[in-house]
N, C-alpha and C. Protein backbone atom coordinates (compact mmCIF):
# COMPACT_ATOMS: atom_id res chain seq x y z
N MET A 1 24.56 140.34 35.82
CA MET A 1 24.75 139.68 37.07
C MET A 1 23.98 140.05 37.74
N ASN A 2 22.63 140.07 38.70
CA ASN A 2 22.53 140.88 40.01
C ASN A 2 23.06 140.66 41.61
N PRO A 3 22.75 141.56 42.30
CA PRO A 3 23.62 140.92 43.37
C PRO A 3 23.64 140.12 43.99
N GLU A 4 22.77 139.51 43.61
CA GLU A 4 21.81 138.00 44.55
C GLU A 4 22.93 136.87 43.96
N GLU A 5 23.33 136.61 42.64
CA GLU A 5 24.22 135.86 42.17
C GLU A 5 25.91 135.69 41.96
N TRP A 6 25.37 137.55 42.14
CA TRP A 6 27.12 138.07 42.40
C TRP A 6 27.99 137.37 43.96
N ASP A 7 26.90 137.73 44.74
CA ASP A 7 27.00 137.57 45.79
C ASP A 7 27.57 135.66 46.52
N LYS A 8 26.33 134.60 45.37
CA LYS A 8 26.20 133.68 45.70
C LYS A 8 27.83 133.03 44.43
N ASP A 9 28.06 133.37 43.69
CA ASP A 9 29.43 133.07 43.13
C ASP A 9 30.58 133.37 44.31
N PHE A 10 30.72 134.76 44.38
CA PHE A 10 31.44 134.89 45.58
C PHE A 10 31.91 134.17 46.60
N LYS A 11 30.40 133.82 47.23
CA LYS A 11 30.98 133.22 48.38
C LYS A 11 30.78 131.70 47.86
N ARG A 12 31.06 130.91 46.81
CA ARG A 12 31.40 130.04 46.26
C ARG A 12 33.19 130.32 46.07
N ARG A 13 33.56 131.20 45.40
CA ARG A 13 35.15 131.78 45.28
C ARG A 13 35.58 131.91 46.57
N GLN A 14 35.03 131.93 48.04
CA GLN A 14 35.69 132.56 48.97
C GLN A 14 36.75 131.55 49.54
N ILE A 15 36.67 130.51 49.29
CA ILE A 15 37.21 129.00 49.23
C ILE A 15 38.55 129.51 49.41
N LYS A 16 38.90 130.13 47.90
CA LYS A 16 40.17 130.42 47.51
C LYS A 16 40.06 131.72 47.38
N ILE A 17 40.78 132.69 48.56
CA ILE A 17 40.51 133.77 47.96
C ILE A 17 40.91 134.63 46.92
N MET A 18 40.83 135.47 46.22
CA MET A 18 41.70 136.00 45.01
C MET A 18 42.76 137.02 45.73
N LYS A 19 43.63 136.62 44.62
CA LYS A 19 44.99 137.62 44.96
C LYS A 19 45.42 138.58 44.21
N CYS A 20 45.70 139.23 43.87
CA CYS A 20 46.42 141.05 43.08
C CYS A 20 47.29 140.19 42.65
N ALA A 21 46.96 140.16 40.67
CA ALA A 21 47.53 139.35 40.39
C ALA A 21 49.06 141.19 40.26
N ALA A 22 48.64 141.79 40.38
CA ALA A 22 50.09 142.79 40.22
C ALA A 22 51.02 142.99 41.47
N CYS A 23 50.17 142.68 43.00
CA CYS A 23 51.24 142.36 44.31
C CYS A 23 50.68 141.50 45.00
N HIS A 24 50.23 140.61 44.91
CA HIS A 24 49.79 139.10 44.96
C HIS A 24 49.07 138.90 46.69
N ASN A 25 48.82 140.68 47.17
CA ASN A 25 48.23 141.19 48.27
C ASN A 25 46.11 140.90 47.75
N GLU A 26 45.31 140.41 48.95
CA GLU A 26 44.10 139.73 48.88
C GLU A 26 43.22 140.93 48.87
N MET A 27 42.77 140.46 47.68
CA MET A 27 41.65 141.51 46.96
C MET A 27 40.05 141.84 48.17
N VAL A 28 39.48 142.58 47.42
CA VAL A 28 38.70 142.52 48.53
C VAL A 28 37.28 143.50 47.89
N LYS A 29 36.04 142.46 48.03
CA LYS A 29 34.93 142.63 47.25
C LYS A 29 34.52 144.60 47.72
N LYS A 30 34.40 144.96 46.38
CA LYS A 30 33.05 145.89 46.34
C LYS A 30 31.86 146.05 45.49
N LYS A 31 31.75 147.75 45.46
CA LYS A 31 30.70 148.08 44.78
C LYS A 31 30.30 149.25 44.16
N GLY A 32 30.47 149.91 43.07
CA GLY A 32 31.04 150.85 42.84
C GLY A 32 30.64 151.39 41.17
N GLU A 33 31.81 153.19 41.19
CA GLU A 33 31.80 152.89 39.41
C GLU A 33 32.69 152.12 38.70
N LEU A 34 32.84 151.66 38.23
CA LEU A 34 34.85 151.65 37.23
C LEU A 34 34.24 152.48 36.13
N ASP A 35 35.39 153.03 35.51
CA ASP A 35 35.95 153.10 34.01
C ASP A 35 36.53 152.17 33.35
N LEU A 36 35.75 152.29 31.37
CA LEU A 36 36.16 151.02 30.91
C LEU A 36 36.46 151.39 29.82
N ARG A 37 38.28 151.07 29.73
CA ARG A 37 38.07 151.84 28.19
C ARG A 37 37.93 150.64 27.14
N ILE A 38 37.67 150.38 25.70
CA ILE A 38 37.78 149.33 25.27
C ILE A 38 37.90 150.34 23.32
N GLU A 39 38.53 149.71 23.07
CA GLU A 39 38.76 150.14 21.35
C GLU A 39 38.53 151.75 21.56
N GLY A 40 39.00 152.58 22.94
CA GLY A 40 39.74 154.07 22.27
C GLY A 40 38.30 154.52 22.69
N LYS A 41 37.62 153.82 23.23
CA LYS A 41 35.94 154.97 24.02
C LYS A 41 35.77 154.47 25.20
N LEU A 42 35.39 155.57 25.93
CA LEU A 42 35.22 155.62 27.23
C LEU A 42 34.06 155.52 28.54
N TYR A 43 33.76 153.78 28.91
CA TYR A 43 32.93 153.80 28.96
C TYR A 43 32.66 153.88 30.96
N LEU A 44 31.62 154.77 31.71
CA LEU A 44 31.97 154.49 33.06
C LEU A 44 30.52 153.68 33.28
N VAL A 45 30.76 153.02 34.41
CA VAL A 45 30.19 151.48 34.58
C VAL A 45 29.94 152.11 36.10
N ARG A 46 28.44 151.86 36.54
CA ARG A 46 27.79 152.74 37.86
C ARG A 46 27.20 151.08 38.08
N ASN A 47 27.74 151.08 39.95
CA ASN A 47 26.97 150.19 40.25
C ASN A 47 27.53 148.28 39.87
N VAL A 48 28.73 148.32 39.64
CA VAL A 48 28.73 147.39 39.91
C VAL A 48 29.58 146.90 40.26
N PHE A 49 29.34 145.38 40.29
CA PHE A 49 30.30 144.44 41.71
C PHE A 49 32.26 143.89 40.94
N TYR A 50 32.90 143.97 41.93
CA TYR A 50 34.62 143.90 41.20
C TYR A 50 35.28 144.41 42.40
N GLU A 51 36.25 143.12 42.26
CA GLU A 51 37.16 143.71 43.34
C GLU A 51 38.53 143.96 43.66
N GLU A 52 38.99 144.74 44.46
CA GLU A 52 40.49 145.84 44.23
C GLU A 52 40.63 145.11 45.25
N CYS A 53 42.48 145.29 45.23
CA CYS A 53 43.35 145.45 45.88
C CYS A 53 43.36 146.61 46.31
N PRO A 54 43.73 146.72 47.91
CA PRO A 54 44.06 147.61 48.72
C PRO A 54 45.09 148.58 48.51
N ALA A 55 46.03 147.42 47.88
CA ALA A 55 47.84 147.69 48.59
C ALA A 55 47.63 148.89 47.21
N CYS A 56 47.26 148.05 46.28
CA CYS A 56 47.75 148.56 44.45
C CYS A 56 47.03 149.56 44.31
N GLY A 57 45.55 149.16 44.42
CA GLY A 57 44.56 149.72 43.49
C GLY A 57 43.94 149.10 42.58
N GLU A 58 44.48 147.44 42.32
CA GLU A 58 44.09 146.72 40.95
C GLU A 58 42.88 146.38 41.52
N LYS A 59 41.71 146.69 39.87
CA LYS A 59 40.67 146.48 40.54
C LYS A 59 40.36 144.63 39.18
N VAL A 60 39.50 143.72 39.16
CA VAL A 60 39.16 143.18 38.82
C VAL A 60 37.66 142.67 38.77
N LEU A 61 37.15 141.83 37.92
CA LEU A 61 35.86 141.98 36.65
C LEU A 61 35.63 140.59 37.19
N SER A 62 34.16 140.33 37.48
CA SER A 62 34.50 138.29 37.47
C SER A 62 34.29 138.28 36.23
N PRO A 63 34.66 137.42 35.52
CA PRO A 63 33.69 136.70 34.17
C PRO A 63 32.96 136.94 33.09
N LYS A 64 31.98 136.79 34.52
CA LYS A 64 30.33 136.68 34.26
C LYS A 64 29.67 138.81 33.80
N VAL A 65 30.66 139.22 34.82
CA VAL A 65 29.99 140.59 34.71
C VAL A 65 30.78 140.98 33.87
N SER A 66 31.82 140.35 33.36
CA SER A 66 33.13 140.85 32.13
C SER A 66 31.81 141.21 30.51
N GLN A 67 31.53 140.22 31.56
CA GLN A 67 30.69 139.23 29.57
C GLN A 67 29.29 139.88 29.31
N ASP A 68 28.94 140.07 30.36
CA ASP A 68 27.50 141.19 30.59
C ASP A 68 27.84 142.51 30.16
N LEU A 69 28.93 142.94 30.29
CA LEU A 69 28.98 144.46 30.25
C LEU A 69 29.21 144.50 28.35
N PHE A 70 30.31 143.48 27.73
CA PHE A 70 31.05 143.03 26.59
C PHE A 70 29.65 143.43 25.12
N ARG A 71 28.41 142.42 26.31
CA ARG A 71 27.55 142.20 25.70
C ARG A 71 26.65 142.75 25.85
N LYS A 72 26.85 143.97 26.20
CA LYS A 72 25.83 145.36 26.26
C LYS A 72 26.43 146.10 25.48
N ILE A 73 27.40 146.19 25.67
CA ILE A 73 28.21 147.65 24.60
C ILE A 73 28.05 147.50 23.46
N LYS A 74 28.03 145.27 23.19
CA LYS A 74 28.46 145.08 21.67
C LYS A 74 26.79 145.60 21.15
N ASP A 75 25.82 145.61 22.07
CA ASP A 75 24.23 145.14 22.00
C ASP A 75 23.85 147.31 21.77
N ARG A 76 24.74 147.74 21.91
CA ARG A 76 24.39 149.62 22.01
C ARG A 76 23.23 149.56 23.67
N LYS A 77 23.23 148.59 24.53
CA LYS A 77 22.75 148.72 25.71
C LYS A 77 22.91 149.65 26.54
N PHE A 78 23.47 151.03 26.48
CA PHE A 78 23.47 152.23 27.80
C PHE A 78 23.06 153.08 27.03
N VAL A 79 23.77 154.31 28.17
CA VAL A 79 22.99 155.72 28.11
C VAL A 79 23.83 156.24 27.64
N GLU A 80 24.11 157.03 26.70
CA GLU A 80 24.95 158.12 26.18
C GLU A 80 24.82 159.52 26.91
N LYS A 81 25.41 159.82 27.95
CA LYS A 81 25.71 161.41 28.33
C LYS A 81 27.12 161.83 27.92
N THR A 82 26.76 163.37 28.26
CA THR A 82 27.73 164.17 28.33
C THR A 82 28.36 164.11 29.36
N VAL A 83 29.53 163.92 30.29
CA VAL A 83 30.58 164.40 31.81
C VAL A 83 31.58 165.49 31.13
N LYS A 84 31.67 166.01 31.81
CA LYS A 84 33.15 166.97 31.82
C LYS A 84 33.58 166.56 33.02
N ILE A 85 35.25 166.14 32.18
CA ILE A 85 35.96 165.34 33.42
C ILE A 85 37.30 166.41 32.94
N PRO A 86 38.37 166.66 34.05
CA PRO A 86 38.95 167.53 33.83
C PRO A 86 40.69 166.99 33.10
N VAL A 87 40.78 167.46 32.00
CA VAL A 87 41.74 167.51 31.56
C VAL A 87 43.08 167.41 31.30
N LEU A 88 44.54 166.78 31.27
CA LEU A 88 45.41 167.21 31.94
C LEU A 88 46.99 166.69 30.49
N ASP A 89 47.39 168.02 30.44
CA ASP A 89 48.52 168.12 29.46
C ASP A 89 49.17 166.98 30.24
N GLY A 90 50.45 166.26 29.59
CA GLY A 90 51.47 164.94 29.72
C GLY A 90 53.08 166.35 30.01
N THR A 91 53.12 167.55 29.58
CA THR A 91 53.98 167.46 29.32
C THR A 91 54.81 167.92 30.12
N TYR A 92 55.23 167.40 31.74
CA TYR A 92 55.86 167.48 32.94
C TYR A 92 56.79 167.16 32.73
N GLY A 93 58.00 167.87 33.65
CA GLY A 93 58.75 167.10 34.51
C GLY A 93 60.23 167.53 32.77
């Protein structure tokens, strides 16, 4: 979905402001990076439109964007890159 389509869809949905499912605050439209874990594999999605709760950080993709991403993953239409990430052992406390 291109930015114009997303804006059009978003404006249409503005009549009813989206509320966060976790804390019920109003969601805010954003564009940026998201990390998705699907079937145990980590995907970094760049330049994606989503809505985020400023209170709790919950992030939500539109159904159209979700469908597009899952289709690209299924069709292997992505670039594989090696990225270094910090890893912490969870044996604290």
